[in-house]
Amino acid sequence: MADSQKFPVAAHALAYLAHCGAMSPEAAVSSVELAASIPTNPVVIRRVTGMLAQAGLVATRAGAHGGAWLLKPADQIGLDQVLRAVAGCAHLGVPPAGARGC
């Protein structure tokens, strides 16, 4: 998946988890359901939720009853955290070489 696609997929996944009230393992949303909501492939969702899990924004569980859920309320997750979690726009905030007054 291109870096430019990770951020919108991650933001959508987090918004969908919040919409579903997925705040515990019992309320986990499967990668198939998340993928259908975007739409994309469940493998893409698993890769992105893995990145979000490494950043401490979601937790995941594999298996037939697996899925993802939020580790904190959605209103406490900033878009900058999501951007960093998926390593998107690494150059954000860094002016291009030779740029003046940027």
C-alpha atoms as a PDB file:
ATOM      1  CA  MET A   1       0.000   0.000   0.000  1.00  0.00           C
ATOM      2  CA  ALA A   2       1.278   3.430  -0.875  1.00  0.00           C
ATOM      3  CA  ASP A   3       2.196   5.677   2.041  1.00  0.00           C
ATOM      4  CA  SER A   4      -0.363   8.201   0.815  1.00  0.00           C
ATOM      5  CA  GLN A   5      -3.150   5.643   1.353  1.00  0.00           C
ATOM      6  CA  LYS A   6      -2.247   4.604   4.896  1.00  0.00           C
ATOM      7  CA  PHE A   7      -3.373   7.775   6.631  1.00  0.00           C
ATOM      8  CA  PRO A   8      -6.914   7.931   5.187  1.00  0.00           C
ATOM      9  CA  VAL A   9      -7.409   4.212   5.814  1.00  0.00           C
ATOM     10  CA  ALA A  10      -6.169   4.585   9.404  1.00  0.00           C
ATOM     11  CA  ALA A  11      -8.336   7.651  10.067  1.00  0.00           C
ATOM     12  CA  HIS A  12     -11.391   5.914   8.633  1.00  0.00           C
ATOM     13  CA  ALA A  13     -10.730   2.754  10.644  1.00  0.00           C
ATOM     14  CA  LEU A  14     -10.480   4.741  13.878  1.00  0.00           C
ATOM     15  CA  ALA A  15     -13.648   6.686  13.087  1.00  0.00           C
ATOM     16  CA  TYR A  16     -15.492   3.464  12.287  1.00  0.00           C
ATOM     17  CA  LEU A  17     -14.329   1.827  15.520  1.00  0.00           C
ATOM     18  CA  ALA A  18     -15.585   4.859  17.439  1.00  0.00           C
ATOM     19  CA  HIS A  19     -18.899   4.790  15.539  1.00  0.00           C
ATOM     20  CA  CYS A  20     -19.340   1.110  16.458  1.00  0.00           C
ATOM     21  CA  GLY A  21     -18.422   1.735  20.103  1.00  0.00           C
ATOM     22  CA  ALA A  22     -15.517  -0.705  19.883  1.00  0.00           C
ATOM     23  CA  MET A  23     -13.845   0.061  23.211  1.00  0.00           C
ATOM     24  CA  SER A  24     -13.195  -3.483  24.465  1.00  0.00           C
ATOM     25  CA  PRO A  25     -12.250  -6.920  23.149  1.00  0.00           C
ATOM     26  CA  GLU A  26     -15.897  -7.950  23.395  1.00  0.00           C
ATOM     27  CA  ALA A  27     -16.845  -5.148  20.996  1.00  0.00           C
ATOM     28  CA  ALA A  28     -13.959  -5.748  18.561  1.00  0.00           C
ATOM     29  CA  VAL A  29     -14.669  -5.068  14.888  1.00  0.00           C
ATOM     30  CA  SER A  30     -13.285  -7.592  12.428  1.00  0.00           C
ATOM     31  CA  SER A  31     -10.932  -6.646   9.629  1.00  0.00           C
ATOM     32  CA  VAL A  32     -13.560  -7.920   7.171  1.00  0.00           C
ATOM     33  CA  GLU A  33     -16.168  -5.496   8.525  1.00  0.00           C
ATOM     34  CA  LEU A  34     -13.697  -2.606   8.622  1.00  0.00           C
ATOM     35  CA  ALA A  35     -12.560  -3.374   5.074  1.00  0.00           C
ATOM     36  CA  ALA A  36     -16.142  -3.427   3.804  1.00  0.00           C
ATOM     37  CA  SER A  37     -16.761   0.006   5.323  1.00  0.00           C
ATOM     38  CA  ILE A  38     -13.942   1.672   3.343  1.00  0.00           C
ATOM     39  CA  PRO A  39     -13.953  -0.463   0.906  1.00  0.00           C
ATOM     40  CA  THR A  40     -10.579  -2.144   0.777  1.00  0.00           C
ATOM     41  CA  ASN A  41      -9.017  -5.523   1.387  1.00  0.00           C
ATOM     42  CA  PRO A  42      -8.961  -6.986   4.943  1.00  0.00           C
ATOM     43  CA  VAL A  43      -5.191  -7.486   4.596  1.00  0.00           C
ATOM     44  CA  VAL A  44      -4.793  -3.723   4.180  1.00  0.00           C
ATOM     45  CA  ILE A  45      -6.837  -3.185   7.342  1.00  0.00           C
ATOM     46  CA  ARG A  46      -4.744  -5.676   9.298  1.00  0.00           C
ATOM     47  CA  ARG A  47      -1.530  -3.929   8.240  1.00  0.00           C
ATOM     48  CA  VAL A  48      -2.855  -0.505   9.216  1.00  0.00           C
ATOM     49  CA  THR A  49      -4.403  -1.646  12.501  1.00  0.00           C
ATOM     50  CA  GLY A  50      -1.069  -3.291  13.301  1.00  0.00           C
ATOM     51  CA  MET A  51       0.609   0.108  12.920  1.00  0.00           C
ATOM     52  CA  LEU A  52      -2.094   1.734  15.046  1.00  0.00           C
ATOM     53  CA  ALA A  53      -1.596  -0.965  17.680  1.00  0.00           C
ATOM     54  CA  GLN A  54       2.163  -0.338  17.790  1.00  0.00           C
ATOM     55  CA  ALA A  55       1.348   3.328  18.427  1.00  0.00           C
ATOM     56  CA  GLY A  56      -0.946   2.391  21.323  1.00  0.00           C
ATOM     57  CA  LEU A  57      -4.120   3.677  19.661  1.00  0.00           C
ATOM     58  CA  VAL A  58      -5.889   0.346  19.197  1.00  0.00           C
ATOM     59  CA  ALA A  59      -5.544  -3.241  20.312  1.00  0.00           C
ATOM     60  CA  THR A  60      -6.052  -6.223  18.049  1.00  0.00           C
ATOM     61  CA  ARG A  61      -6.803  -9.888  18.435  1.00  0.00           C
ATOM     62  CA  ALA A  62      -6.336 -12.502  15.729  1.00  0.00           C
ATOM     63  CA  GLY A  63      -8.667 -15.355  14.979  1.00  0.00           C
ATOM     64  CA  ALA A  64     -12.286 -16.083  14.189  1.00  0.00           C
ATOM     65  CA  HIS A  65     -13.500 -13.795  16.966  1.00  0.00           C
ATOM     66  CA  GLY A  66     -10.706 -11.293  16.522  1.00  0.00           C
ATOM     67  CA  GLY A  67     -10.700  -7.704  15.457  1.00  0.00           C
ATOM     68  CA  ALA A  68      -9.667  -4.275  16.630  1.00  0.00           C
ATOM     69  CA  TRP A  69     -10.884  -1.899  19.314  1.00  0.00           C
ATOM     70  CA  LEU A  70      -9.902   1.537  20.568  1.00  0.00           C
ATOM     71  CA  LEU A  71      -7.655   1.847  23.600  1.00  0.00           C
ATOM     72  CA  LYS A  72      -8.842   5.358  24.400  1.00  0.00           C
ATOM     73  CA  PRO A  73     -11.826   7.514  23.474  1.00  0.00           C
ATOM     74  CA  ALA A  74     -11.751   8.814  19.915  1.00  0.00           C
ATOM     75  CA  ASP A  75     -11.840  12.432  21.092  1.00  0.00           C
ATOM     76  CA  GLN A  76      -8.453  11.824  22.715  1.00  0.00           C
ATOM     77  CA  ILE A  77      -6.799  10.681  19.474  1.00  0.00           C
ATOM     78  CA  GLY A  78      -5.302  13.472  17.398  1.00  0.00           C
ATOM     79  CA  LEU A  79      -4.804  13.300  13.678  1.00  0.00           C
ATOM     80  CA  ASP A  80      -1.119  14.006  14.269  1.00  0.00           C
ATOM     81  CA  GLN A  81      -0.931  10.764  16.295  1.00  0.00           C
ATOM     82  CA  VAL A  82      -2.562   8.867  13.456  1.00  0.00           C
ATOM     83  CA  LEU A  83      -0.186  10.398  10.924  1.00  0.00           C
ATOM     84  CA  ARG A  84       2.845   9.421  13.013  1.00  0.00           C
ATOM     85  CA  ALA A  85       1.450   5.918  13.617  1.00  0.00           C
ATOM     86  CA  VAL A  86       1.350   5.134   9.916  1.00  0.00           C
ATOM     87  CA  ALA A  87       4.568   7.037   9.173  1.00  0.00           C
ATOM     88  CA  GLY A  88       2.750   9.182   6.661  1.00  0.00           C
ATOM     89  CA  CYS A  89       4.073  12.473   5.405  1.00  0.00           C
ATOM     90  CA  ALA A  90       7.463  12.159   7.051  1.00  0.00           C
ATOM     91  CA  HIS A  91       8.328  15.511   5.514  1.00  0.00           C
ATOM     92  CA  LEU A  92       5.353  17.312   7.125  1.00  0.00           C
ATOM     93  CA  GLY A  93       6.587  20.455   8.831  1.00  0.00           C
ATOM     94  CA  VAL A  94       9.972  20.320   7.097  1.00  0.00           C
ATOM     95  CA  PRO A  95      10.408  22.895   4.347  1.00  0.00           C
ATOM     96  CA  PRO A  96      11.720  21.575   1.064  1.00  0.00           C
ATOM     97  CA  ALA A  97      15.387  22.151   0.308  1.00  0.00           C
ATOM     98  CA  GLY A  98      15.925  25.678  -1.002  1.00  0.00           C
ATOM     99  CA  ALA A  99      12.512  26.925   0.147  1.00  0.00           C
ATOM    100  CA  ARG A 100      12.590  30.364   1.715  1.00  0.00           C
ATOM    101  CA  GLY A 101       9.897  31.756   3.944  1.00  0.00           C
ATOM    102  CA  CYS A 102       8.090  28.435   4.095  1.00  0.00           C
END
